[in-house]
């Protein structure tokens, strides 16, 4: 069980467009699931801690309502590795704080945390088990263009900034392959759940 609590804490990771969100949607019917992207988005809302820290450094653009323009922040981060690390050094500790607080509040014996860049930020120490979902590059690019309205160039820029999927696979406890149908992915999730329950601690 996790050092954070008497619960089994399972991380869900994988590259953009691989299908993490679908796994989380499915699991939410049975277990608590925390979406770290949503935690990040909340931190960036006007008046919240992430917003204040980034705004104090004058590295974000604000719209007419005083909210951070997310596209501008993304462009700032992905145009320069130094910029990306600067923003991540501010936001990641805040995300971990929110994650720890959330885990302690859950009653379930198993909880899930969706964290896209889990390995990139060396967060594996916080999890008892890690699930990695993978998809072929062309499939991931197509999903990002279709569902996130990225251009192919924008999608590629984000994918190449993340760790090679093969390295993520090697570091994970369970691998889910999501190049087929949603139903096929759901079957893999059920098999993974059975394995986690059998393994216990």
N, C-alpha and C. Protein backbone atom coordinates (compact mmCIF):
# COMPACT_ATOMS: atom_id res chain seq x y z
N UNK A 1 0.83 -1.20 0.00
CA UNK A 1 0.00 0.00 0.00
C UNK A 1 0.87 1.26 0.00
N UNK A 2 0.29 2.34 -0.45
CA UNK A 2 1.04 3.58 -0.55
C UNK A 2 1.46 4.12 0.81
N UNK A 3 2.61 4.77 0.82
CA UNK A 3 3.08 5.43 2.03
C UNK A 3 2.18 6.62 2.37
N UNK A 4 1.45 7.10 1.35
CA UNK A 4 0.58 8.25 1.57
C UNK A 4 -0.67 7.88 2.37
N UNK A 5 -1.07 6.62 2.34
CA UNK A 5 -2.32 6.22 2.95
C UNK A 5 -2.40 4.71 2.97
N UNK A 6 -3.45 4.19 3.61
CA UNK A 6 -3.67 2.74 3.60
C UNK A 6 -4.53 2.38 2.40
N UNK A 7 -4.13 2.82 1.27
CA UNK A 7 -4.85 2.57 0.03
C UNK A 7 -3.85 2.14 -1.03
N UNK A 8 -4.34 1.43 -2.02
CA UNK A 8 -3.49 1.15 -3.17
C UNK A 8 -3.66 2.31 -4.14
N UNK A 9 -2.58 3.01 -4.42
CA UNK A 9 -2.63 4.19 -5.29
C UNK A 9 -2.02 3.80 -6.64
N UNK A 10 -2.84 3.86 -7.67
CA UNK A 10 -2.42 3.44 -9.01
C UNK A 10 -2.34 4.65 -9.92
N UNK A 11 -1.22 4.81 -10.58
CA UNK A 11 -1.04 5.90 -11.54
C UNK A 11 -1.41 5.45 -12.94
N UNK A 12 -2.08 6.33 -13.66
CA UNK A 12 -2.41 6.09 -15.07
C UNK A 12 -1.61 7.08 -15.89
N UNK A 13 -0.80 6.57 -16.82
CA UNK A 13 0.01 7.47 -17.62
C UNK A 13 0.04 7.00 -19.07
N UNK A 14 0.74 7.74 -19.91
CA UNK A 14 0.81 7.45 -21.33
C UNK A 14 0.92 8.76 -22.09
N UNK A 15 1.32 8.67 -23.32
CA UNK A 15 1.48 9.88 -24.14
C UNK A 15 0.12 10.49 -24.49
N UNK A 16 0.14 11.73 -24.91
CA UNK A 16 -1.08 12.40 -25.36
C UNK A 16 -1.71 11.61 -26.51
N UNK A 17 -3.02 11.49 -26.47
CA UNK A 17 -3.72 10.80 -27.55
C UNK A 17 -3.75 9.29 -27.41
N UNK A 18 -3.22 8.78 -26.29
CA UNK A 18 -3.17 7.32 -26.13
C UNK A 18 -4.47 6.75 -25.57
N UNK A 19 -5.23 7.56 -24.84
CA UNK A 19 -6.50 7.08 -24.32
C UNK A 19 -6.62 7.09 -22.81
N UNK A 20 -5.82 7.90 -22.13
CA UNK A 20 -5.87 7.97 -20.67
C UNK A 20 -7.26 8.40 -20.18
N UNK A 21 -7.84 9.36 -20.86
CA UNK A 21 -9.13 9.89 -20.42
C UNK A 21 -10.23 8.84 -20.48
N UNK A 22 -10.18 8.00 -21.50
CA UNK A 22 -11.19 6.94 -21.61
C UNK A 22 -11.04 5.93 -20.49
N UNK A 23 -9.82 5.61 -20.12
CA UNK A 23 -9.58 4.71 -18.99
C UNK A 23 -10.14 5.33 -17.71
N UNK A 24 -9.87 6.61 -17.50
CA UNK A 24 -10.37 7.29 -16.30
C UNK A 24 -11.89 7.32 -16.27
N UNK A 25 -12.51 7.60 -17.41
CA UNK A 25 -13.98 7.64 -17.48
C UNK A 25 -14.57 6.29 -17.08
N UNK A 26 -13.97 5.23 -17.58
CA UNK A 26 -14.46 3.88 -17.28
C UNK A 26 -14.28 3.55 -15.80
N UNK A 27 -13.12 3.86 -15.26
CA UNK A 27 -12.81 3.53 -13.87
C UNK A 27 -13.66 4.30 -12.88
N UNK A 28 -14.08 5.52 -13.26
CA UNK A 28 -14.84 6.36 -12.33
C UNK A 28 -16.17 5.73 -11.91
N UNK A 29 -16.63 4.76 -12.68
CA UNK A 29 -17.85 4.05 -12.31
C UNK A 29 -17.63 3.13 -11.11
N UNK A 30 -16.35 2.87 -10.79
CA UNK A 30 -16.04 1.90 -9.74
C UNK A 30 -15.12 2.46 -8.65
N UNK A 31 -14.24 3.38 -9.02
CA UNK A 31 -13.21 3.85 -8.08
C UNK A 31 -13.02 5.36 -8.21
N UNK A 32 -12.49 5.99 -7.16
CA UNK A 32 -12.14 7.41 -7.27
C UNK A 32 -10.98 7.60 -8.24
N UNK A 33 -11.08 8.61 -9.08
CA UNK A 33 -10.02 8.92 -10.05
C UNK A 33 -9.74 10.41 -10.01
N UNK A 34 -8.48 10.76 -9.84
CA UNK A 34 -8.06 12.16 -9.87
C UNK A 34 -7.38 12.46 -11.19
N UNK A 35 -7.82 13.51 -11.86
CA UNK A 35 -7.23 13.94 -13.13
C UNK A 35 -6.27 15.10 -12.85
N UNK A 36 -4.98 14.85 -12.97
CA UNK A 36 -3.99 15.89 -12.65
C UNK A 36 -4.03 17.05 -13.65
N UNK A 37 -4.49 16.80 -14.86
CA UNK A 37 -4.66 17.90 -15.81
C UNK A 37 -5.73 18.87 -15.31
N UNK A 38 -6.80 18.31 -14.71
CA UNK A 38 -7.86 19.15 -14.17
C UNK A 38 -7.37 19.91 -12.94
N UNK A 39 -6.56 19.24 -12.12
CA UNK A 39 -5.95 19.92 -10.96
C UNK A 39 -5.12 21.10 -11.45
N UNK A 40 -4.33 20.86 -12.49
CA UNK A 40 -3.50 21.92 -13.08
C UNK A 40 -4.37 23.07 -13.59
N UNK A 41 -5.45 22.73 -14.29
CA UNK A 41 -6.36 23.76 -14.82
C UNK A 41 -6.97 24.58 -13.69
N UNK A 42 -7.33 23.92 -12.59
CA UNK A 42 -7.90 24.64 -11.45
C UNK A 42 -6.87 25.58 -10.82
N UNK A 43 -5.64 25.12 -10.73
CA UNK A 43 -4.58 25.96 -10.16
C UNK A 43 -4.35 27.23 -10.97
N UNK A 44 -4.64 27.15 -12.27
CA UNK A 44 -4.40 28.28 -13.16
C UNK A 44 -5.58 29.26 -13.23
N UNK A 45 -6.68 28.93 -12.55
CA UNK A 45 -7.82 29.83 -12.56
C UNK A 45 -7.51 31.10 -11.76
N UNK A 46 -8.11 32.18 -12.17
CA UNK A 46 -7.86 33.49 -11.56
C UNK A 46 -8.00 33.43 -10.04
N UNK A 47 -6.97 33.90 -9.36
CA UNK A 47 -6.99 33.96 -7.91
C UNK A 47 -6.39 32.75 -7.22
N UNK A 48 -6.25 31.63 -7.94
CA UNK A 48 -5.69 30.43 -7.32
C UNK A 48 -4.17 30.49 -7.30
N UNK A 49 -3.56 29.56 -6.56
CA UNK A 49 -2.14 29.68 -6.25
C UNK A 49 -1.24 29.62 -7.48
N UNK A 50 -1.53 28.71 -8.41
CA UNK A 50 -0.72 28.62 -9.61
C UNK A 50 -0.79 29.90 -10.43
N UNK A 51 -2.00 30.43 -10.54
CA UNK A 51 -2.23 31.69 -11.24
C UNK A 51 -1.39 32.80 -10.64
N UNK A 52 -1.45 32.91 -9.31
CA UNK A 52 -0.74 34.01 -8.64
C UNK A 52 0.77 33.90 -8.86
N UNK A 53 1.31 32.69 -8.74
CA UNK A 53 2.76 32.52 -8.86
C UNK A 53 3.25 32.82 -10.28
N UNK A 54 2.51 32.37 -11.28
CA UNK A 54 2.92 32.63 -12.67
C UNK A 54 2.72 34.11 -13.03
N UNK A 55 1.64 34.67 -12.55
CA UNK A 55 1.36 36.08 -12.85
C UNK A 55 2.39 37.00 -12.20
N UNK A 56 2.84 36.62 -11.02
CA UNK A 56 3.86 37.43 -10.33
C UNK A 56 5.16 37.48 -11.11
N UNK A 57 5.43 36.43 -11.91
CA UNK A 57 6.66 36.38 -12.71
C UNK A 57 6.49 37.02 -14.08
N UNK A 58 5.25 37.45 -14.38
CA UNK A 58 4.95 38.12 -15.67
C UNK A 58 5.30 37.24 -16.86
N UNK A 59 4.99 35.94 -16.75
CA UNK A 59 5.26 35.04 -17.89
C UNK A 59 3.97 34.51 -18.50
N UNK A 60 2.84 35.11 -18.12
CA UNK A 60 1.57 34.68 -18.70
C UNK A 60 0.83 35.90 -19.26
N UNK A 61 0.03 35.63 -20.30
CA UNK A 61 -0.85 36.67 -20.84
C UNK A 61 -2.23 36.46 -20.27
N UNK A 62 -2.91 37.56 -19.97
CA UNK A 62 -4.26 37.49 -19.42
C UNK A 62 -5.27 38.03 -20.43
N UNK A 63 -6.47 37.43 -20.40
CA UNK A 63 -7.52 37.93 -21.28
C UNK A 63 -8.24 39.10 -20.62
N UNK A 64 -9.30 39.56 -21.22
CA UNK A 64 -10.01 40.75 -20.72
C UNK A 64 -10.65 40.52 -19.36
N UNK A 65 -10.86 39.25 -19.00
CA UNK A 65 -11.43 38.92 -17.69
C UNK A 65 -10.35 38.64 -16.65
N UNK A 66 -9.09 38.76 -17.06
CA UNK A 66 -8.00 38.53 -16.13
C UNK A 66 -7.61 37.07 -15.99
N UNK A 67 -8.16 36.21 -16.86
CA UNK A 67 -7.80 34.79 -16.83
C UNK A 67 -6.57 34.54 -17.69
N UNK A 68 -5.79 33.52 -17.32
CA UNK A 68 -4.62 33.15 -18.12
C UNK A 68 -5.07 32.63 -19.48
N UNK A 69 -4.45 33.13 -20.53
CA UNK A 69 -4.72 32.62 -21.88
C UNK A 69 -3.91 31.33 -22.04
N UNK A 70 -4.61 30.19 -22.02
CA UNK A 70 -3.94 28.89 -21.99
C UNK A 70 -3.09 28.64 -23.22
N UNK A 71 -3.56 29.09 -24.37
CA UNK A 71 -2.80 28.89 -25.61
C UNK A 71 -1.47 29.63 -25.56
N UNK A 72 -1.50 30.81 -24.95
CA UNK A 72 -0.28 31.60 -24.82
C UNK A 72 0.70 30.92 -23.87
N UNK A 73 0.17 30.38 -22.75
CA UNK A 73 1.03 29.68 -21.80
C UNK A 73 1.63 28.43 -22.44
N UNK A 74 0.83 27.71 -23.22
CA UNK A 74 1.33 26.51 -23.90
C UNK A 74 2.43 26.86 -24.89
N UNK A 75 2.22 27.93 -25.64
CA UNK A 75 3.23 28.36 -26.60
C UNK A 75 4.53 28.74 -25.90
N UNK A 76 4.40 29.40 -24.77
CA UNK A 76 5.57 29.78 -23.98
C UNK A 76 6.34 28.55 -23.52
N UNK A 77 5.61 27.55 -23.04
CA UNK A 77 6.24 26.35 -22.50
C UNK A 77 6.88 25.50 -23.58
N UNK A 78 6.18 25.29 -24.67
CA UNK A 78 6.65 24.34 -25.67
C UNK A 78 7.61 24.94 -26.69
N UNK A 79 7.83 26.23 -26.60
CA UNK A 79 8.77 26.87 -27.53
C UNK A 79 10.21 26.79 -27.01
N UNK A 80 10.35 26.47 -25.72
CA UNK A 80 11.67 26.54 -25.11
C UNK A 80 11.70 25.63 -23.88
N UNK A 81 12.66 24.72 -23.83
CA UNK A 81 12.72 23.76 -22.72
C UNK A 81 12.93 24.47 -21.39
N UNK A 82 13.72 25.53 -21.39
CA UNK A 82 13.95 26.29 -20.17
C UNK A 82 12.65 26.87 -19.64
N UNK A 83 11.82 27.39 -20.56
CA UNK A 83 10.53 27.94 -20.17
C UNK A 83 9.64 26.86 -19.58
N UNK A 84 9.62 25.70 -20.23
CA UNK A 84 8.78 24.60 -19.76
C UNK A 84 9.17 24.18 -18.35
N UNK A 85 10.47 24.04 -18.12
CA UNK A 85 10.94 23.64 -16.79
C UNK A 85 10.63 24.70 -15.74
N UNK A 86 10.70 25.96 -16.15
CA UNK A 86 10.39 27.06 -15.23
C UNK A 86 8.94 26.97 -14.75
N UNK A 87 8.02 26.76 -15.69
CA UNK A 87 6.60 26.68 -15.34
C UNK A 87 6.32 25.41 -14.53
N UNK A 88 6.92 24.30 -14.95
CA UNK A 88 6.69 23.03 -14.24
C UNK A 88 7.22 23.07 -12.81
N UNK A 89 8.33 23.77 -12.59
CA UNK A 89 8.90 23.88 -11.24
C UNK A 89 7.95 24.62 -10.30
N UNK A 90 7.11 25.45 -10.87
CA UNK A 90 6.12 26.17 -10.07
C UNK A 90 4.87 25.33 -9.84
N UNK A 91 4.38 24.70 -10.91
CA UNK A 91 3.09 24.02 -10.83
C UNK A 91 3.14 22.61 -10.24
N UNK A 92 4.20 21.86 -10.53
CA UNK A 92 4.22 20.46 -10.11
C UNK A 92 4.15 20.27 -8.59
N UNK A 93 4.89 21.02 -7.79
CA UNK A 93 4.75 20.86 -6.34
C UNK A 93 3.33 21.14 -5.84
N UNK A 94 2.67 22.09 -6.49
CA UNK A 94 1.29 22.42 -6.11
C UNK A 94 0.36 21.26 -6.46
N UNK A 95 0.60 20.64 -7.62
CA UNK A 95 -0.22 19.49 -8.04
C UNK A 95 -0.04 18.33 -7.08
N UNK A 96 1.20 18.06 -6.67
CA UNK A 96 1.46 16.97 -5.72
C UNK A 96 0.76 17.23 -4.39
N UNK A 97 0.78 18.47 -3.93
CA UNK A 97 0.09 18.81 -2.68
C UNK A 97 -1.41 18.50 -2.78
N UNK A 98 -2.00 18.90 -3.91
CA UNK A 98 -3.43 18.64 -4.12
C UNK A 98 -3.69 17.14 -4.20
N UNK A 99 -2.80 16.40 -4.85
CA UNK A 99 -2.94 14.96 -5.00
C UNK A 99 -2.92 14.26 -3.64
N UNK A 100 -1.94 14.61 -2.80
CA UNK A 100 -1.82 13.99 -1.49
C UNK A 100 -3.09 14.25 -0.65
N UNK A 101 -3.56 15.48 -0.69
CA UNK A 101 -4.76 15.83 0.07
C UNK A 101 -5.97 15.03 -0.40
N UNK A 102 -6.11 14.91 -1.72
CA UNK A 102 -7.23 14.17 -2.31
C UNK A 102 -7.18 12.69 -1.92
N UNK A 103 -6.01 12.08 -2.02
CA UNK A 103 -5.85 10.65 -1.70
C UNK A 103 -6.30 10.37 -0.27
N UNK A 104 -5.87 11.20 0.66
CA UNK A 104 -6.22 11.00 2.07
C UNK A 104 -7.72 11.09 2.31
N UNK A 105 -8.43 11.82 1.48
CA UNK A 105 -9.87 12.02 1.68
C UNK A 105 -10.71 10.85 1.15
N UNK A 106 -10.12 9.97 0.33
CA UNK A 106 -10.89 8.91 -0.31
C UNK A 106 -11.08 7.71 0.62
N UNK A 107 -12.27 7.10 0.55
CA UNK A 107 -12.59 5.94 1.37
C UNK A 107 -12.25 4.61 0.69
N UNK A 108 -12.08 4.63 -0.60
CA UNK A 108 -11.86 3.40 -1.37
C UNK A 108 -10.51 2.78 -1.06
N UNK A 109 -10.45 1.45 -1.18
CA UNK A 109 -9.18 0.74 -0.95
C UNK A 109 -8.23 0.89 -2.14
N UNK A 110 -8.79 1.26 -3.29
CA UNK A 110 -7.97 1.52 -4.49
C UNK A 110 -8.36 2.89 -5.04
N UNK A 111 -7.38 3.71 -5.33
CA UNK A 111 -7.63 5.01 -5.98
C UNK A 111 -6.70 5.15 -7.18
N UNK A 112 -7.15 5.91 -8.15
CA UNK A 112 -6.38 6.11 -9.37
C UNK A 112 -6.05 7.58 -9.56
N UNK A 113 -4.86 7.84 -10.08
CA UNK A 113 -4.43 9.20 -10.39
C UNK A 113 -3.95 9.23 -11.83
N UNK A 114 -4.64 10.01 -12.66
CA UNK A 114 -4.23 10.16 -14.06
C UNK A 114 -3.17 11.25 -14.15
N UNK A 115 -1.96 10.87 -14.55
CA UNK A 115 -0.84 11.80 -14.59
C UNK A 115 -0.05 11.58 -15.89
N UNK A 116 -0.28 12.40 -16.91
CA UNK A 116 0.34 12.19 -18.22
C UNK A 116 1.86 12.11 -18.21
N UNK A 117 2.52 12.98 -17.44
CA UNK A 117 3.99 13.01 -17.46
C UNK A 117 4.56 12.45 -16.16
N UNK A 118 3.97 11.38 -15.70
CA UNK A 118 4.36 10.74 -14.44
C UNK A 118 5.85 10.43 -14.39
N UNK A 119 6.35 9.76 -15.43
CA UNK A 119 7.76 9.37 -15.43
C UNK A 119 8.69 10.55 -15.69
N UNK A 120 8.24 11.47 -16.53
CA UNK A 120 9.07 12.62 -16.87
C UNK A 120 9.43 13.46 -15.65
N UNK A 121 8.54 13.45 -14.65
CA UNK A 121 8.81 14.25 -13.45
C UNK A 121 9.15 13.36 -12.24
N UNK A 122 9.49 12.11 -12.54
CA UNK A 122 9.95 11.16 -11.50
C UNK A 122 8.95 11.03 -10.36
N UNK A 123 7.67 10.88 -10.71
CA UNK A 123 6.62 10.79 -9.69
C UNK A 123 6.28 9.34 -9.32
N UNK A 124 7.00 8.38 -9.90
CA UNK A 124 6.63 6.97 -9.68
C UNK A 124 6.70 6.56 -8.21
N UNK A 125 7.47 7.27 -7.42
CA UNK A 125 7.60 6.93 -5.99
C UNK A 125 6.28 7.09 -5.23
N UNK A 126 5.34 7.82 -5.81
CA UNK A 126 4.07 8.06 -5.13
C UNK A 126 3.04 6.96 -5.38
N UNK A 127 3.38 5.99 -6.24
CA UNK A 127 2.38 5.01 -6.67
C UNK A 127 2.79 3.58 -6.33
N UNK A 128 1.77 2.78 -6.00
CA UNK A 128 2.00 1.36 -5.73
C UNK A 128 2.05 0.56 -7.02
N UNK A 129 1.38 1.05 -8.04
CA UNK A 129 1.35 0.39 -9.34
C UNK A 129 1.13 1.46 -10.41
N UNK A 130 1.66 1.22 -11.60
CA UNK A 130 1.51 2.19 -12.69
C UNK A 130 0.97 1.49 -13.93
N UNK A 131 -0.11 2.06 -14.46
CA UNK A 131 -0.68 1.59 -15.72
C UNK A 131 -0.25 2.55 -16.82
N UNK A 132 0.20 2.00 -17.91
CA UNK A 132 0.60 2.83 -19.05
C UNK A 132 -0.25 2.45 -20.26
N UNK A 133 -0.91 3.42 -20.83
CA UNK A 133 -1.69 3.17 -22.05
C UNK A 133 -0.90 3.71 -23.24
N UNK A 134 -0.84 2.92 -24.30
CA UNK A 134 -0.06 3.29 -25.47
C UNK A 134 -0.89 3.14 -26.74
N UNK A 135 -0.55 3.94 -27.73
CA UNK A 135 -1.19 3.86 -29.04
C UNK A 135 -0.15 4.18 -30.09
N UNK A 136 -0.34 3.64 -31.29
CA UNK A 136 0.58 3.95 -32.38
C UNK A 136 0.60 5.46 -32.62
N UNK A 137 1.74 5.96 -33.09
CA UNK A 137 1.90 7.41 -33.29
C UNK A 137 0.82 7.98 -34.19
N UNK A 138 0.54 7.32 -35.30
CA UNK A 138 -0.46 7.85 -36.24
C UNK A 138 -1.85 7.91 -35.60
N UNK A 139 -2.16 6.91 -34.78
CA UNK A 139 -3.45 6.90 -34.08
C UNK A 139 -3.52 8.06 -33.09
N UNK A 140 -2.44 8.26 -32.32
CA UNK A 140 -2.40 9.35 -31.34
C UNK A 140 -2.51 10.71 -32.03
N UNK A 141 -1.78 10.89 -33.13
CA UNK A 141 -1.83 12.16 -33.85
C UNK A 141 -3.23 12.43 -34.38
N UNK A 142 -3.86 11.39 -34.91
CA UNK A 142 -5.22 11.54 -35.43
C UNK A 142 -6.19 11.95 -34.33
N UNK A 143 -6.06 11.34 -33.15
CA UNK A 143 -6.95 11.70 -32.03
C UNK A 143 -6.74 13.14 -31.59
N UNK A 144 -5.49 13.56 -31.52
CA UNK A 144 -5.20 14.92 -31.08
C UNK A 144 -5.72 15.95 -32.07
N UNK A 145 -5.64 15.62 -33.36
CA UNK A 145 -6.15 16.54 -34.37
C UNK A 145 -7.67 16.57 -34.38
N UNK A 146 -8.29 15.41 -34.14
CA UNK A 146 -9.75 15.30 -34.19
C UNK A 146 -10.41 15.85 -32.94
N UNK A 147 -9.90 15.45 -31.78
CA UNK A 147 -10.58 15.77 -30.52
C UNK A 147 -10.02 16.98 -29.79
N UNK A 148 -8.77 17.34 -30.08
CA UNK A 148 -8.17 18.49 -29.39
C UNK A 148 -7.93 19.67 -30.34
N UNK A 149 -8.27 19.47 -31.60
CA UNK A 149 -8.14 20.53 -32.62
C UNK A 149 -6.71 21.03 -32.79
N UNK A 150 -5.72 20.15 -32.54
CA UNK A 150 -4.33 20.50 -32.79
C UNK A 150 -4.03 20.34 -34.28
N UNK A 151 -3.10 21.14 -34.77
CA UNK A 151 -2.54 20.84 -36.08
C UNK A 151 -1.59 19.66 -35.90
N UNK A 152 -1.20 19.02 -36.99
CA UNK A 152 -0.27 17.89 -36.87
C UNK A 152 1.04 18.35 -36.24
N UNK A 153 1.49 19.56 -36.59
CA UNK A 153 2.75 20.09 -36.05
C UNK A 153 2.64 20.32 -34.54
N UNK A 154 1.51 20.88 -34.09
CA UNK A 154 1.31 21.12 -32.66
C UNK A 154 1.27 19.79 -31.89
N UNK A 155 0.59 18.81 -32.46
CA UNK A 155 0.49 17.50 -31.82
C UNK A 155 1.86 16.84 -31.71
N UNK A 156 2.62 16.91 -32.78
CA UNK A 156 3.96 16.31 -32.78
C UNK A 156 4.86 16.99 -31.74
N UNK A 157 4.78 18.31 -31.65
CA UNK A 157 5.62 19.06 -30.70
C UNK A 157 5.38 18.59 -29.28
N UNK A 158 4.13 18.34 -28.95
CA UNK A 158 3.80 17.88 -27.61
C UNK A 158 4.22 16.44 -27.38
N UNK A 159 4.03 15.61 -28.39
CA UNK A 159 4.40 14.19 -28.23
C UNK A 159 5.91 14.01 -28.08
N UNK A 160 6.68 14.76 -28.85
CA UNK A 160 8.13 14.58 -28.79
C UNK A 160 8.72 15.18 -27.51
N UNK A 161 7.96 16.04 -26.83
CA UNK A 161 8.45 16.61 -25.57
C UNK A 161 8.31 15.60 -24.42
N UNK A 162 7.55 14.53 -24.67
CA UNK A 162 7.32 13.53 -23.64
C UNK A 162 8.27 12.34 -23.84
N UNK A 163 8.37 11.54 -22.82
CA UNK A 163 9.24 10.37 -22.85
C UNK A 163 8.80 9.38 -23.92
N UNK A 164 9.78 8.68 -24.50
CA UNK A 164 9.49 7.65 -25.49
C UNK A 164 8.54 6.61 -24.88
N UNK A 165 7.45 6.26 -25.59
CA UNK A 165 6.48 5.30 -25.05
C UNK A 165 7.12 3.97 -24.64
N UNK A 166 8.13 3.53 -25.38
CA UNK A 166 8.76 2.25 -25.04
C UNK A 166 9.43 2.30 -23.66
N UNK A 167 9.97 3.46 -23.32
CA UNK A 167 10.59 3.61 -22.01
C UNK A 167 9.52 3.61 -20.92
N UNK A 168 8.37 4.23 -21.21
CA UNK A 168 7.28 4.22 -20.24
C UNK A 168 6.77 2.79 -20.02
N UNK A 169 6.68 2.04 -21.12
CA UNK A 169 6.23 0.65 -21.03
C UNK A 169 7.14 -0.15 -20.11
N UNK A 170 8.44 0.03 -20.30
CA UNK A 170 9.43 -0.73 -19.52
C UNK A 170 9.34 -0.42 -18.02
N UNK A 171 8.88 0.77 -17.68
CA UNK A 171 8.82 1.18 -16.27
C UNK A 171 7.47 0.92 -15.62
N UNK A 172 6.50 0.46 -16.40
CA UNK A 172 5.13 0.32 -15.89
C UNK A 172 4.84 -1.11 -15.44
N UNK A 173 3.85 -1.24 -14.56
CA UNK A 173 3.43 -2.55 -14.07
C UNK A 173 2.45 -3.22 -15.03
N UNK A 174 1.58 -2.42 -15.62
CA UNK A 174 0.56 -2.94 -16.54
C UNK A 174 0.52 -2.04 -17.77
N UNK A 175 0.44 -2.65 -18.94
CA UNK A 175 0.39 -1.91 -20.20
C UNK A 175 -0.93 -2.20 -20.90
N UNK A 176 -1.63 -1.14 -21.29
CA UNK A 176 -2.88 -1.24 -22.04
C UNK A 176 -2.64 -0.69 -23.45
N UNK A 177 -3.00 -1.48 -24.46
CA UNK A 177 -2.77 -1.04 -25.84
C UNK A 177 -4.10 -0.59 -26.44
N UNK A 178 -4.12 0.66 -26.89
CA UNK A 178 -5.37 1.28 -27.31
C UNK A 178 -5.35 1.72 -28.77
N UNK A 179 -5.18 0.73 -29.65
CA UNK A 179 -5.27 1.01 -31.09
C UNK A 179 -6.57 0.48 -31.68
N UNK A 180 -7.35 -0.22 -30.85
CA UNK A 180 -8.59 -0.84 -31.34
C UNK A 180 -9.81 -0.07 -30.90
N UNK A 181 -10.86 -0.83 -30.56
CA UNK A 181 -12.14 -0.22 -30.18
C UNK A 181 -12.14 0.12 -28.69
N UNK A 182 -13.11 0.93 -28.30
CA UNK A 182 -13.29 1.27 -26.89
C UNK A 182 -13.61 0.01 -26.10
N UNK A 183 -14.40 -0.87 -26.69
CA UNK A 183 -14.78 -2.11 -26.01
C UNK A 183 -13.54 -2.97 -25.73
N UNK A 184 -12.64 -3.02 -26.67
CA UNK A 184 -11.40 -3.79 -26.48
C UNK A 184 -10.55 -3.20 -25.34
N UNK A 185 -10.55 -1.88 -25.24
CA UNK A 185 -9.83 -1.23 -24.16
C UNK A 185 -10.47 -1.56 -22.81
N UNK A 186 -11.80 -1.56 -22.76
CA UNK A 186 -12.52 -1.86 -21.52
C UNK A 186 -12.21 -3.27 -21.03
N UNK A 187 -12.09 -4.21 -21.94
CA UNK A 187 -11.75 -5.59 -21.57
C UNK A 187 -10.37 -5.63 -20.93
N UNK A 188 -9.42 -4.88 -21.49
CA UNK A 188 -8.08 -4.81 -20.92
C UNK A 188 -8.10 -4.19 -19.52
N UNK A 189 -8.93 -3.18 -19.33
CA UNK A 189 -9.04 -2.53 -18.01
C UNK A 189 -9.55 -3.53 -16.97
N UNK A 190 -10.58 -4.30 -17.34
CA UNK A 190 -11.12 -5.29 -16.41
C UNK A 190 -10.06 -6.34 -16.05
N UNK A 191 -9.30 -6.78 -17.02
CA UNK A 191 -8.22 -7.74 -16.76
C UNK A 191 -7.17 -7.14 -15.83
N UNK A 192 -6.87 -5.85 -16.05
CA UNK A 192 -5.87 -5.17 -15.21
C UNK A 192 -6.39 -5.03 -13.78
N UNK A 193 -7.65 -4.73 -13.61
CA UNK A 193 -8.24 -4.62 -12.28
C UNK A 193 -8.17 -5.95 -11.53
N UNK A 194 -8.47 -7.03 -12.24
CA UNK A 194 -8.41 -8.36 -11.62
C UNK A 194 -6.99 -8.64 -11.15
N UNK A 195 -6.01 -8.26 -11.96
CA UNK A 195 -4.61 -8.49 -11.60
C UNK A 195 -4.22 -7.68 -10.36
N UNK A 196 -4.68 -6.41 -10.31
CA UNK A 196 -4.36 -5.56 -9.16
C UNK A 196 -4.99 -6.11 -7.88
N UNK A 197 -6.22 -6.57 -7.97
CA UNK A 197 -6.93 -7.08 -6.79
C UNK A 197 -6.26 -8.38 -6.32
N UNK A 198 -5.86 -9.22 -7.26
CA UNK A 198 -5.18 -10.47 -6.90
C UNK A 198 -3.83 -10.20 -6.24
N UNK A 199 -3.15 -9.17 -6.74
CA UNK A 199 -1.83 -8.84 -6.20
C UNK A 199 -1.89 -8.18 -4.84
N UNK A 200 -3.04 -7.60 -4.51
CA UNK A 200 -3.19 -6.94 -3.22
C UNK A 200 -2.18 -5.83 -3.06
N UNK A 201 -1.30 -5.94 -2.08
CA UNK A 201 -0.26 -4.94 -1.84
C UNK A 201 0.79 -4.94 -2.93
